[in-house]
Amino acid sequence: MVIWGTSGFFFLSPILQFLPSFFDSILDIFYQAIPDWDIPLYIWSNSWFSRGGWEFLKHRSWLFSSVIIPTVILVISILPNILRQPLLAKKYHWHLNTLRNIAFGLFVGVSAHLCGDIFLSFIPRGDIGFKIYGWNQFVSLIWFVFHIFLGIFIPFLLIWLMGATYKKRSK
């Protein structure tokens, strides 16, 4: 998940060239890092729903240039414990732990990608920098820094809390 969040599985594209071209738009999601999903989703949404207001999906979308997606996955993984549903948490323990681990990897991967967007934006190459579509540069910088911090802080905080809980149980 760290790789998918950071750079995507771009290295799989030569291997999967034998699939019919029908799958190209679906595979684009896997080839690209999660912060860059706004590109194929914007193209796809405009080809299918041309009258919709899909402007929020233009590149450097606030939704994908953030840790919102890993946060949603993490909340889903800990929801049974928050709602005090021990039977549900016990029955789906493996699934919920897998979702939590996916979220942790995506937190770190997306943060690494956002760091790269900021650092590489100073290299003149015709890119749009790290400015989020429709926002100014300063607000975009605050958004990026805040989400980079959250993407590193949240997983390590939760890992530390889980370790403290485990130590209490084993005593």
Protein backbone atom coordinates (compact mmCIF):
# COMPACT_ATOMS: atom_id res chain seq x y z
CA MET A 1 0.00 0.00 0.00
CA VAL A 2 2.95 2.32 0.58
CA ILE A 3 4.01 1.74 -3.04
CA TRP A 4 0.49 2.33 -4.36
CA GLY A 5 0.12 5.48 -2.30
CA THR A 6 3.51 6.82 -3.36
CA SER A 7 4.02 5.94 -6.99
CA GLY A 8 1.43 3.40 -8.08
CA PHE A 9 2.15 0.07 -9.72
CA PHE A 10 3.49 1.68 -12.89
CA PHE A 11 6.03 -1.12 -13.25
CA LEU A 12 3.20 -3.60 -13.95
CA SER A 13 2.08 -1.88 -17.16
CA PRO A 14 4.50 -3.76 -19.47
CA ILE A 15 3.50 -7.08 -17.90
CA LEU A 16 -0.24 -6.53 -18.35
CA GLN A 17 -0.12 -5.35 -21.98
CA PHE A 18 -1.71 -8.62 -23.11
CA LEU A 19 -5.11 -7.65 -21.64
CA PRO A 20 -7.72 -6.21 -24.03
CA SER A 21 -7.78 -2.43 -24.35
CA PHE A 22 -11.16 -2.43 -22.58
CA PHE A 23 -9.28 -2.74 -19.29
CA ASP A 24 -6.91 0.19 -19.92
CA SER A 25 -9.01 2.76 -18.07
CA ILE A 26 -9.48 0.41 -15.12
CA LEU A 27 -5.78 -0.46 -14.97
CA ASP A 28 -4.83 3.23 -15.02
CA ILE A 29 -6.06 3.40 -11.42
CA PHE A 30 -3.58 0.70 -10.41
CA TYR A 31 -0.70 2.15 -12.41
CA GLN A 32 -0.98 5.57 -10.78
CA ALA A 33 -0.38 6.74 -7.26
CA ILE A 34 -3.54 7.45 -5.30
CA PRO A 35 -2.91 11.25 -5.27
CA ASP A 36 -2.94 11.08 -9.09
CA TRP A 37 -6.22 9.18 -9.37
CA ASP A 38 -7.97 12.45 -10.09
CA ILE A 39 -6.52 12.42 -13.62
CA PRO A 40 -8.11 9.18 -14.91
CA LEU A 41 -11.28 9.73 -12.85
CA TYR A 42 -11.74 13.21 -14.34
CA ILE A 43 -11.25 11.86 -17.87
CA TRP A 44 -13.59 8.93 -17.17
CA SER A 45 -16.28 11.09 -15.55
CA ASN A 46 -16.27 13.60 -18.40
CA SER A 47 -16.56 10.88 -21.00
CA TRP A 48 -19.53 9.26 -19.25
CA PHE A 49 -21.22 12.20 -17.52
CA SER A 50 -20.36 15.28 -19.57
CA ARG A 51 -22.98 17.49 -17.89
CA GLY A 52 -21.86 16.78 -14.32
CA GLY A 53 -19.89 19.13 -12.13
CA TRP A 54 -16.71 17.04 -11.98
CA GLU A 55 -14.34 20.01 -11.65
CA PHE A 56 -13.25 18.84 -8.20
CA LEU A 57 -11.52 15.92 -9.94
CA LYS A 58 -9.13 18.10 -11.97
CA HIS A 59 -5.48 17.38 -11.22
CA ARG A 60 -4.38 18.30 -7.74
CA SER A 61 -7.84 17.64 -6.40
CA TRP A 62 -8.27 18.35 -2.69
CA LEU A 63 -9.81 14.89 -2.30
CA PHE A 64 -6.84 12.95 -3.65
CA SER A 65 -4.10 15.34 -2.47
CA SER A 66 -4.94 14.42 1.09
CA VAL A 67 -5.19 11.52 3.50
CA ILE A 68 -9.00 11.49 3.35
CA ILE A 69 -9.18 8.09 1.61
CA PRO A 70 -6.86 6.33 4.13
CA THR A 71 -8.78 8.00 6.96
CA VAL A 72 -12.09 6.60 5.67
CA ILE A 73 -10.54 3.13 5.38
CA LEU A 74 -9.13 3.41 8.91
CA VAL A 75 -12.47 4.53 10.36
CA ILE A 76 -14.20 1.57 8.69
CA SER A 77 -11.61 -0.78 10.19
CA ILE A 78 -12.07 0.48 13.75
CA LEU A 79 -15.80 1.19 13.59
CA PRO A 80 -16.92 -2.08 15.26
CA ASN A 81 -14.65 -1.32 18.22
CA ILE A 82 -15.90 2.26 18.45
CA LEU A 83 -19.53 1.12 18.32
CA ARG A 84 -18.79 -1.50 20.97
CA GLN A 85 -19.72 -4.42 18.73
CA PRO A 86 -17.31 -7.10 20.03
CA LEU A 87 -19.01 -9.96 18.18
CA LEU A 88 -18.71 -8.14 14.87
CA ALA A 89 -15.12 -7.16 15.64
CA LYS A 90 -14.26 -10.74 16.60
CA LYS A 91 -16.01 -12.31 13.59
CA TYR A 92 -14.29 -10.02 11.08
CA HIS A 93 -11.04 -9.60 13.02
CA TRP A 94 -8.79 -10.60 10.12
CA HIS A 95 -10.65 -8.37 7.63
CA LEU A 96 -10.62 -5.36 9.94
CA ASN A 97 -6.91 -5.79 10.69
CA THR A 98 -6.18 -6.03 6.96
CA LEU A 99 -8.16 -2.83 6.31
CA ARG A 100 -6.28 -1.10 9.13
CA ASN A 101 -2.93 -2.18 7.69
CA ILE A 102 -3.99 -1.01 4.22
CA ALA A 103 -4.89 2.36 5.71
CA PHE A 104 -1.52 2.62 7.50
CA GLY A 105 0.36 1.91 4.27
CA LEU A 106 -1.74 4.40 2.33
CA PHE A 107 -1.22 7.08 4.99
CA VAL A 108 2.55 6.81 4.66
CA GLY A 109 2.51 6.36 0.88
CA VAL A 110 0.25 9.32 0.20
CA SER A 111 2.33 11.48 2.55
CA ALA A 112 5.50 10.48 0.71
CA HIS A 113 3.87 11.34 -2.62
CA LEU A 114 2.73 14.74 -1.31
CA CYS A 115 6.27 15.43 -0.03
CA GLY A 116 7.58 14.61 -3.48
CA ASP A 117 5.02 16.93 -5.06
CA ILE A 118 6.21 19.79 -2.87
CA PHE A 119 9.94 19.16 -3.29
CA LEU A 120 9.78 18.43 -7.01
CA SER A 121 7.56 21.46 -7.69
CA PHE A 122 10.64 23.68 -7.50
CA ILE A 123 12.13 21.99 -10.58
CA PRO A 124 10.88 23.90 -13.63
CA ARG A 125 9.33 21.32 -15.97
CA GLY A 126 5.93 22.69 -16.94
CA ASP A 127 4.09 20.91 -14.12
CA ILE A 128 1.39 22.71 -12.17
CA GLY A 129 3.40 22.54 -8.94
CA PHE A 130 1.58 21.66 -5.79
CA LYS A 131 -1.26 24.11 -6.16
CA ILE A 132 -4.61 22.42 -5.62
CA TYR A 133 -7.08 23.11 -8.41
CA GLY A 134 -9.09 26.24 -7.64
CA TRP A 135 -7.05 27.20 -4.55
CA ASN A 136 -4.23 29.66 -4.11
CA GLN A 137 -0.62 28.60 -3.51
CA PHE A 138 -0.52 29.43 0.22
CA VAL A 139 -3.70 27.54 1.14
CA SER A 140 -2.52 24.62 -0.99
CA LEU A 141 0.81 24.55 0.85
CA ILE A 142 -0.97 24.51 4.23
CA TRP A 143 -3.25 21.69 2.99
CA PHE A 144 -0.27 19.64 1.78
CA VAL A 145 1.79 20.15 4.95
CA PHE A 146 -1.18 19.35 7.19
CA HIS A 147 -1.96 16.14 5.33
CA ILE A 148 1.70 15.10 5.20
CA PHE A 149 1.82 15.54 8.98
CA LEU A 150 -1.41 13.57 9.47
CA GLY A 151 -0.23 10.84 7.13
CA ILE A 152 2.87 10.24 9.23
CA PHE A 153 1.45 11.04 12.68
CA ILE A 154 -1.80 9.00 12.65
CA PRO A 155 -0.33 5.57 11.78
CA PHE A 156 2.58 5.92 14.19
CA LEU A 157 0.31 7.18 16.96
CA LEU A 158 -2.05 4.24 16.49
CA ILE A 159 0.83 1.76 16.32
CA TRP A 160 2.20 3.23 19.55
CA LEU A 161 -1.26 3.01 21.19
CA MET A 162 -1.69 -0.57 20.04
CA GLY A 163 1.74 -1.41 21.48
CA ALA A 164 0.83 0.21 24.81
CA THR A 165 -2.44 -1.73 24.90
CA TYR A 166 -0.62 -4.97 24.11
CA LYS A 167 1.90 -4.36 26.90
CA LYS A 168 -0.93 -3.77 29.40
CA ARG A 169 -2.64 -7.03 28.40
CA SER A 170 0.51 -9.11 28.71
CA LYS A 171 1.28 -7.92 32.25
